[in-house]
Amino acid sequence: MVKPKIFLFLVIGIVILIPPSHAGEENMLPLIDLSNQTDRHIVIAQGTESVYQGHPTTLLMPDNQTIFAVWSVGHGGPAGPMARSDDAGLTWTRLDDRLPKNFSNHENCPSIYRLVDPQGKERLWVFSARPEMPRIVSEDSGETWKEMEPLGLPCVMTFSSVIQRKDGTYLGMYHRRFGETDPKPLQVMQTITRDGGLTWSDPEAVTEPRADKDPCEPFVFRSPDGKEFGCLMRENHHKGRSLMMFSQDEGKTWSESVDTPWGLTGDRHMGVQTKDGRWVIAFRDRALDSPSLTHFVAWVGTYEDIREGHPGQYRIKLLHSHKGFDCGYPGMEILPDGTIVATTYIRYQPGTEKHSVVSTRFKIEETDEMSQGE
């Protein structure tokens, strides 16, 4: 008789038993739990009984010290808050009073990007979803901001990913609802800017509506050899795994979407590449039968693991959600010393306080060592 296997992982003094009932070996990844190590945590914006701090994105500037964070008030609510750190995320200063007054009328998940035009001019952009992708811009590294005309693009959320192409242009990806059915299915779109974000091309659909899968929230990243784009997408039915697709011509065409490895199943992926070439990708955990389901987690593995559908190396529970499936939408930055700054919105503690914007800090060498306790 074949005896059932029990997988045992030793994680910073905590033994996590994952029985065979959690499906096949492809999703038996070691889980490193950092969520209770509060010395790693920085609260950027504290939630209160009346204020819900939600859906942040971050931007690390070229000096590797300045980080900007923007977020909304309420779940998918109005924009307005912004903060800047001058010490790589350890302390933060609010910049709300420097922003255009109408910015608080922009709604749903503002995202911040640094784009450089062909003449070398740097601009910082904050795009929001409603109405029809409004935006603000800074041309002096975030000291002052002004509102620009909206892009006029109907969307569920604004750009969840912007990547520079080899010719210097930028590819922006977002998702919208489209079609005749009710509810309308989700569709991933892309558009290109050739002048550093001032103007954008007519958007093109890169996924087609389908009944079994609902792709959204694309995260685009480049392969280590520079020849390919990978794109991870949330699957909004949440009945299986997330989705991925690939482009070998700088985003002109994309492969058909396929399921990700189990360990990458989640909402709103965002990642950084470590010095040894691996990827650390954070998201809200939606993997079926996951021991960290609903929480803020990260997957660690190589580009080849993603491309070939391999499990990866391990996952990290970054922060514990005290509100179930209501966290993620991360900002991910990596500093020159290898410190990863992962920022999210989350019900940080039990009780009556609503969500806060919180970051946690770690190095891949630390979690590698912890993973050896398997």
Protein backbone atom coordinates (compact mmCIF):
# COMPACT_ATOMS: atom_id res chain seq x y z
CA MET A 1 0.00 0.00 0.00
CA VAL A 2 1.28 3.48 -0.90
CA LYS A 3 1.36 5.74 2.12
CA PRO A 4 0.03 9.29 1.67
CA LYS A 5 2.68 11.99 1.73
CA ILE A 6 2.72 14.76 4.30
CA PHE A 7 4.69 17.86 3.32
CA LEU A 8 6.34 19.65 6.23
CA PHE A 9 7.88 23.08 6.00
CA LEU A 10 9.82 24.83 8.75
CA VAL A 11 9.33 28.56 8.44
CA ILE A 12 11.02 30.84 10.98
CA GLY A 13 10.25 28.51 13.79
CA ILE A 14 6.72 27.76 12.63
CA VAL A 15 5.87 24.36 11.22
CA ILE A 16 3.20 24.48 8.52
CA LEU A 17 1.61 21.14 7.67
CA ILE A 18 0.04 20.99 4.25
CA PRO A 19 -1.81 17.69 3.80
CA PRO A 20 -2.21 15.90 0.47
CA SER A 21 -5.79 17.13 0.17
CA HIS A 22 -4.43 20.42 -1.22
CA ALA A 23 -4.37 18.85 -4.70
CA GLY A 24 -1.32 17.86 -6.77
CA GLU A 25 2.35 18.41 -6.18
CA GLU A 26 2.45 21.34 -8.61
CA ASN A 27 0.91 23.54 -5.93
CA MET A 28 2.92 22.18 -3.01
CA LEU A 29 5.17 25.21 -2.78
CA PRO A 30 6.91 26.06 0.49
CA LEU A 31 5.25 29.01 2.20
CA ILE A 32 7.43 31.51 4.03
CA ASP A 33 5.40 33.53 6.54
CA LEU A 34 6.67 37.07 7.18
CA SER A 35 3.27 38.52 8.01
CA ASN A 36 3.75 38.65 11.79
CA GLN A 37 7.18 40.30 11.64
CA THR A 38 5.92 43.81 12.34
CA ASP A 39 9.41 45.31 12.40
CA ARG A 40 9.32 44.95 8.62
CA HIS A 41 6.11 47.00 8.29
CA ILE A 42 5.72 50.70 7.50
CA VAL A 43 2.23 52.23 7.70
CA ILE A 44 2.11 54.89 4.99
CA ALA A 45 -1.52 55.94 5.54
CA GLN A 46 -3.48 54.75 8.56
CA GLY A 47 -7.08 53.76 8.08
CA THR A 48 -9.67 54.94 10.59
CA GLU A 49 -13.24 53.99 11.46
CA SER A 50 -14.41 56.35 8.72
CA VAL A 51 -11.51 56.47 6.20
CA TYR A 52 -10.63 53.53 3.95
CA GLN A 53 -7.19 53.89 2.36
CA GLY A 54 -7.21 51.80 -0.81
CA HIS A 55 -5.41 50.53 -3.92
CA PRO A 56 -1.92 52.07 -3.91
CA THR A 57 0.76 52.10 -6.57
CA THR A 58 4.36 53.24 -6.07
CA LEU A 59 7.20 54.67 -8.14
CA LEU A 60 10.91 54.46 -7.30
CA MET A 61 12.85 57.35 -8.83
CA PRO A 62 16.30 56.98 -10.48
CA ASP A 63 18.08 58.17 -7.32
CA ASN A 64 16.93 54.90 -5.67
CA GLN A 65 15.89 56.87 -2.58
CA THR A 66 12.74 58.76 -3.57
CA ILE A 67 9.52 56.76 -3.71
CA PHE A 68 6.08 58.17 -4.55
CA ALA A 69 2.83 56.46 -3.56
CA VAL A 70 -0.68 57.29 -4.75
CA TRP A 71 -3.94 55.68 -3.70
CA SER A 72 -7.69 56.18 -3.49
CA VAL A 73 -10.08 56.82 -0.62
CA GLY A 74 -12.60 54.01 -0.35
CA HIS A 75 -12.81 50.85 -2.41
CA GLY A 76 -12.40 52.09 -5.98
CA GLY A 77 -13.23 55.55 -4.71
CA PRO A 78 -11.87 59.01 -5.39
CA ALA A 79 -8.18 59.78 -5.82
CA GLY A 80 -6.54 62.59 -3.86
CA PRO A 81 -3.86 61.21 -1.55
CA MET A 82 -0.18 61.14 -2.47
CA ALA A 83 2.93 60.62 -0.34
CA ARG A 84 6.67 60.81 -0.95
CA SER A 85 9.52 59.08 0.84
CA ASP A 86 13.03 60.52 0.64
CA ASP A 87 14.66 57.60 2.44
CA ALA A 88 13.62 54.62 0.31
CA GLY A 89 10.30 54.05 2.03
CA LEU A 90 11.18 54.31 5.72
CA THR A 91 9.37 57.61 6.35
CA TRP A 92 6.68 59.37 4.32
CA THR A 93 5.39 62.91 3.75
CA ARG A 94 1.88 63.60 2.45
CA LEU A 95 1.66 65.75 -0.69
CA ASP A 96 -2.11 66.05 -1.03
CA ASP A 97 -2.08 69.85 -0.88
CA ARG A 98 0.29 70.08 -3.87
CA LEU A 99 -2.10 68.30 -6.21
CA PRO A 100 -4.70 69.89 -8.52
CA LYS A 101 -8.02 70.47 -6.77
CA ASN A 102 -9.92 68.44 -9.33
CA PHE A 103 -7.71 65.39 -8.71
CA SER A 104 -10.09 64.36 -5.92
CA ASN A 105 -12.77 63.95 -8.61
CA HIS A 106 -10.69 61.34 -10.42
CA GLU A 107 -11.79 57.87 -9.37
CA ASN A 108 -10.65 54.27 -9.02
CA CYS A 109 -7.13 52.99 -8.50
CA PRO A 110 -4.75 55.79 -9.55
CA SER A 111 -1.44 54.53 -10.97
CA ILE A 112 1.84 56.44 -11.14
CA TYR A 113 4.54 56.12 -13.83
CA ARG A 114 7.74 57.87 -14.91
CA LEU A 115 7.95 58.32 -18.68
CA VAL A 116 10.78 59.96 -20.65
CA ASP A 117 10.14 61.45 -24.09
CA PRO A 118 12.51 61.19 -27.10
CA GLN A 119 14.16 64.50 -26.14
CA GLY A 120 15.01 63.14 -22.67
CA LYS A 121 12.31 65.09 -20.83
CA GLU A 122 11.05 63.26 -17.73
CA ARG A 123 7.41 63.42 -16.71
CA LEU A 124 5.61 61.77 -13.81
CA TRP A 125 2.05 60.76 -14.64
CA VAL A 126 -0.85 59.67 -12.45
CA PHE A 127 -3.67 58.06 -14.40
CA SER A 128 -7.04 57.12 -12.89
CA ALA A 129 -9.99 55.17 -14.29
CA ARG A 130 -12.94 57.56 -14.25
CA PRO A 131 -14.07 59.62 -15.98
CA GLU A 132 -12.49 58.03 -19.09
CA MET A 133 -8.93 57.85 -17.78
CA PRO A 134 -8.19 61.31 -16.33
CA ARG A 135 -4.59 62.25 -15.50
CA ILE A 136 -2.25 64.66 -13.75
CA VAL A 137 1.41 65.31 -14.59
CA SER A 138 4.57 66.68 -12.99
CA GLU A 139 7.47 67.99 -15.09
CA ASP A 140 9.73 68.77 -12.11
CA SER A 141 10.17 65.37 -10.44
CA GLY A 142 7.01 65.64 -8.38
CA GLU A 143 7.44 69.13 -6.92
CA THR A 144 4.39 70.56 -8.71
CA TRP A 145 1.48 68.94 -10.51
CA LYS A 146 -1.13 70.01 -13.05
CA GLU A 147 -4.18 68.39 -14.56
CA MET A 148 -4.20 67.38 -18.23
CA GLU A 149 -7.15 66.52 -20.45
CA PRO A 150 -8.34 62.92 -19.92
CA LEU A 151 -7.32 60.28 -22.42
CA GLY A 152 -10.96 59.60 -23.20
CA LEU A 153 -10.60 55.84 -22.83
CA PRO A 154 -13.47 53.94 -21.18
CA CYS A 155 -12.01 51.43 -18.74
CA VAL A 156 -12.63 49.50 -15.55
CA MET A 157 -9.20 50.49 -14.30
CA THR A 158 -6.47 52.60 -15.82
CA PHE A 159 -3.05 51.31 -16.84
CA SER A 160 -2.05 48.49 -14.53
CA SER A 161 1.21 48.16 -16.45
CA VAL A 162 3.40 50.42 -18.60
CA ILE A 163 6.62 49.07 -20.13
CA GLN A 164 9.25 50.70 -22.34
CA ARG A 165 9.89 49.09 -25.71
CA LYS A 166 13.25 48.78 -27.44
CA ASP A 167 12.51 51.76 -29.69
CA GLY A 168 11.97 54.01 -26.64
CA THR A 169 8.18 54.12 -26.90
CA TYR A 170 5.98 52.90 -24.05
CA LEU A 171 3.27 50.25 -24.12
CA GLY A 172 0.39 50.78 -21.67
CA MET A 173 -2.08 48.02 -20.82
CA TYR A 174 -5.44 48.18 -19.06
CA HIS A 175 -8.84 46.47 -19.17
CA ARG A 176 -12.42 47.41 -19.97
CA ARG A 177 -15.86 45.82 -20.21
CA PHE A 178 -17.00 45.08 -23.74
CA GLY A 179 -19.72 43.18 -25.59
CA GLU A 180 -23.45 42.65 -25.60
CA THR A 181 -23.99 40.21 -22.74
CA ASP A 182 -24.89 41.17 -19.19
CA PRO A 183 -22.57 41.36 -17.37
CA LYS A 184 -20.22 42.37 -20.13
CA PRO A 185 -17.00 40.35 -20.26
CA LEU A 186 -13.61 41.87 -19.57
CA GLN A 187 -11.11 42.64 -22.30
CA VAL A 188 -7.42 43.60 -22.03
CA MET A 189 -6.42 46.61 -24.14
CA GLN A 190 -3.14 48.24 -25.08
CA THR A 191 -2.03 51.62 -26.40
CA ILE A 192 1.33 53.21 -27.22
CA THR A 193 2.83 56.61 -26.45
CA ARG A 194 5.71 57.96 -28.55
CA ASP A 195 6.08 61.31 -26.77
CA GLY A 196 6.47 60.37 -23.10
CA GLY A 197 2.78 60.12 -22.22
CA LEU A 198 1.38 63.27 -23.81
CA THR A 199 -0.52 61.43 -26.53
CA TRP A 200 -1.49 57.76 -26.96
CA SER A 201 -2.43 55.64 -29.97
CA ASP A 202 -5.91 54.27 -30.56
CA PRO A 203 -6.26 51.31 -28.18
CA GLU A 204 -6.24 47.74 -29.48
CA ALA A 205 -7.73 44.64 -27.89
CA VAL A 206 -5.21 41.92 -27.06
CA THR A 207 -7.68 39.43 -25.57
CA GLU A 208 -11.08 38.40 -26.85
CA PRO A 209 -14.16 37.99 -24.61
CA ARG A 210 -14.77 34.36 -23.68
CA ALA A 211 -17.25 32.60 -21.46
CA ASP A 212 -14.87 30.50 -19.39
CA LYS A 213 -12.19 33.09 -18.57
CA ASP A 214 -12.37 36.80 -17.78
CA PRO A 215 -8.88 38.37 -18.12
CA CYS A 216 -8.02 41.70 -16.53
CA GLU A 217 -5.33 43.65 -14.64
CA PRO A 218 -2.36 42.85 -16.91
CA PHE A 219 1.21 42.95 -15.59
CA VAL A 220 3.79 43.09 -18.39
CA PHE A 221 7.49 42.32 -17.90
CA ARG A 222 10.51 41.52 -20.08
CA SER A 223 12.33 38.20 -20.33
CA PRO A 224 15.95 38.08 -19.10
CA ASP A 225 17.30 37.85 -22.65
CA GLY A 226 15.24 40.88 -23.64
CA LYS A 227 13.56 39.12 -26.54
CA GLU A 228 10.08 38.62 -25.12
CA PHE A 229 7.32 40.20 -23.09
CA GLY A 230 5.41 38.11 -20.58
CA CYS A 231 1.99 39.21 -19.32
CA LEU A 232 0.23 37.88 -16.23
CA MET A 233 -3.50 38.56 -15.88
CA ARG A 234 -6.10 38.17 -13.18
CA GLU A 235 -8.90 35.75 -14.07
CA ASN A 236 -12.02 37.35 -12.71
CA HIS A 237 -14.24 34.25 -12.44
CA HIS A 238 -11.86 32.87 -9.82
CA LYS A 239 -12.74 29.27 -10.61
CA GLY A 240 -9.25 28.23 -11.64
CA ARG A 241 -5.83 29.68 -12.27
CA SER A 242 -4.75 33.09 -13.50
CA LEU A 243 -3.79 33.68 -17.13
CA MET A 244 -0.61 34.47 -19.03
CA MET A 245 0.40 35.32 -22.58
CA PHE A 246 3.61 36.24 -24.40
CA SER A 247 4.84 38.52 -27.17
CA GLN A 248 8.02 38.16 -29.22
CA ASP A 249 7.57 41.39 -31.21
CA GLU A 250 7.45 44.08 -28.50
CA GLY A 251 3.71 43.75 -27.99
CA LYS A 252 2.60 43.96 -31.62
CA THR A 253 1.07 40.49 -31.35
CA TRP A 254 0.36 38.19 -28.40
CA SER A 255 0.01 34.45 -27.96
CA GLU A 256 -3.25 32.92 -26.86
CA SER A 257 -3.67 33.14 -23.10
CA VAL A 258 -3.09 29.99 -21.04
CA ASP A 259 -3.24 29.13 -17.36
CA THR A 260 -0.41 30.24 -15.08
CA PRO A 261 1.28 27.88 -12.64
CA TRP A 262 -0.89 27.34 -9.57
CA GLY A 263 1.35 29.46 -7.35
CA LEU A 264 0.79 32.57 -9.50
CA THR A 265 -2.99 32.46 -9.18
CA GLY A 266 -4.05 35.83 -7.84
CA ASP A 267 -5.32 39.35 -8.44
CA ARG A 268 -3.33 42.35 -9.70
CA HIS A 269 0.17 40.93 -10.16
CA MET A 270 3.16 43.24 -9.82
CA GLY A 271 6.79 42.19 -9.59
CA VAL A 272 10.48 43.01 -9.47
CA GLN A 273 13.51 41.17 -10.78
CA THR A 274 16.32 40.33 -8.37
CA LYS A 275 20.03 40.60 -9.15
CA ASP A 276 20.25 36.87 -9.89
CA GLY A 277 17.48 37.18 -12.47
CA ARG A 278 14.59 35.67 -10.52
CA TRP A 279 11.20 37.32 -10.23
CA VAL A 280 9.34 38.20 -7.03
CA ILE A 281 5.71 38.81 -7.96
CA ALA A 282 3.15 40.01 -5.41
CA PHE A 283 -0.64 39.78 -5.56
CA ARG A 284 -3.82 38.97 -3.66
CA ASP A 285 -3.81 35.19 -3.23
CA ARG A 286 -6.66 33.48 -5.11
CA ALA A 287 -5.07 30.03 -5.60
CA LEU A 288 -7.58 27.29 -4.89
CA ASP A 289 -6.77 25.32 -1.71
CA SER A 290 -3.98 27.76 -0.82
CA PRO A 291 -2.99 27.95 2.87
CA SER A 292 -2.57 31.72 2.40
CA LEU A 293 -5.82 32.27 0.48
CA THR A 294 -7.12 35.88 0.67
CA HIS A 295 -3.82 37.31 1.98
CA PHE A 296 -1.07 39.47 0.44
CA VAL A 297 1.54 37.07 -0.95
CA ALA A 298 4.49 36.88 -3.32
CA TRP A 299 5.69 34.13 -5.66
CA VAL A 300 9.41 33.52 -6.21
CA GLY A 301 10.78 31.81 -9.33
CA THR A 302 12.43 32.29 -12.70
CA TYR A 303 11.07 33.60 -15.98
CA GLU A 304 11.48 30.08 -17.34
CA ASP A 305 9.28 28.77 -14.53
CA ILE A 306 6.54 31.11 -15.71
CA ARG A 307 7.10 30.50 -19.41
CA GLU A 308 7.14 26.70 -19.07
CA GLY A 309 4.36 26.50 -16.48
CA HIS A 310 6.65 25.19 -13.73
CA PRO A 311 5.64 25.63 -10.06
CA GLY A 312 8.41 28.06 -9.06
CA GLN A 313 10.50 27.95 -5.89
CA TYR A 314 8.32 29.16 -3.01
CA ARG A 315 5.73 31.70 -1.96
CA ILE A 316 5.82 34.32 0.79
CA LYS A 317 2.93 35.45 2.95
CA LEU A 318 3.75 39.14 3.16
CA LEU A 319 0.82 40.56 5.16
CA HIS A 320 -2.28 39.11 6.78
CA SER A 321 -5.63 40.43 5.57
CA HIS A 322 -8.20 40.88 8.33
CA LYS A 323 -10.86 41.54 5.68
CA GLY A 324 -10.57 38.45 3.52
CA PHE A 325 -10.41 39.09 -0.25
CA ASP A 326 -9.73 42.82 0.02
CA CYS A 327 -6.02 43.52 -0.31
CA GLY A 328 -3.27 43.46 -2.92
CA TYR A 329 -3.00 45.95 -5.82
CA PRO A 330 0.65 46.27 -4.86
CA GLY A 331 3.50 48.59 -5.54
CA MET A 332 6.76 46.63 -5.86
CA GLU A 333 10.18 48.28 -5.76
CA ILE A 334 13.69 46.85 -5.35
CA LEU A 335 16.55 48.92 -3.91
CA PRO A 336 20.25 48.68 -4.84
CA ASP A 337 21.00 46.62 -1.72
CA GLY A 338 18.37 44.07 -2.72
CA THR A 339 15.66 45.24 -0.29
CA ILE A 340 12.21 44.70 -1.77
CA VAL A 341 9.55 47.23 -0.72
CA ALA A 342 6.10 45.69 -1.22
CA THR A 343 3.18 48.08 -0.65
CA THR A 344 -0.51 47.26 -0.47
CA TYR A 345 -3.84 48.29 1.02
CA ILE A 346 -5.05 45.98 3.74
CA ARG A 347 -7.17 45.69 6.87
CA TYR A 348 -4.00 45.62 8.91
CA GLN A 349 -5.47 44.73 12.29
CA PRO A 350 -8.71 43.28 13.60
CA GLY A 351 -11.20 45.80 14.90
CA THR A 352 -13.16 48.72 13.54
CA GLU A 353 -10.41 50.54 11.68
CA LYS A 354 -10.72 50.37 7.90
CA HIS A 355 -7.93 49.64 5.44
CA SER A 356 -4.47 51.19 5.65
CA VAL A 357 -1.72 51.56 3.06
CA VAL A 358 1.15 49.44 4.38
CA SER A 359 4.54 48.35 3.06
CA THR A 360 6.72 45.44 4.13
CA ARG A 361 10.46 45.07 3.48
CA PHE A 362 12.59 41.98 2.91
CA LYS A 363 15.52 40.62 0.93
CA ILE A 364 15.45 37.53 -1.25
CA GLU A 365 18.50 36.18 0.59
CA GLU A 366 16.46 36.14 3.79
CA THR A 367 13.56 34.22 2.33
CA ASP A 368 15.91 31.86 0.46
CA GLU A 369 17.47 30.91 3.78
CA MET A 370 14.08 30.43 5.38
CA SER A 371 12.97 28.21 2.50
CA GLN A 372 15.83 25.82 3.27
CA GLY A 373 13.96 24.83 6.42
CA GLU A 374 11.72 22.59 4.34
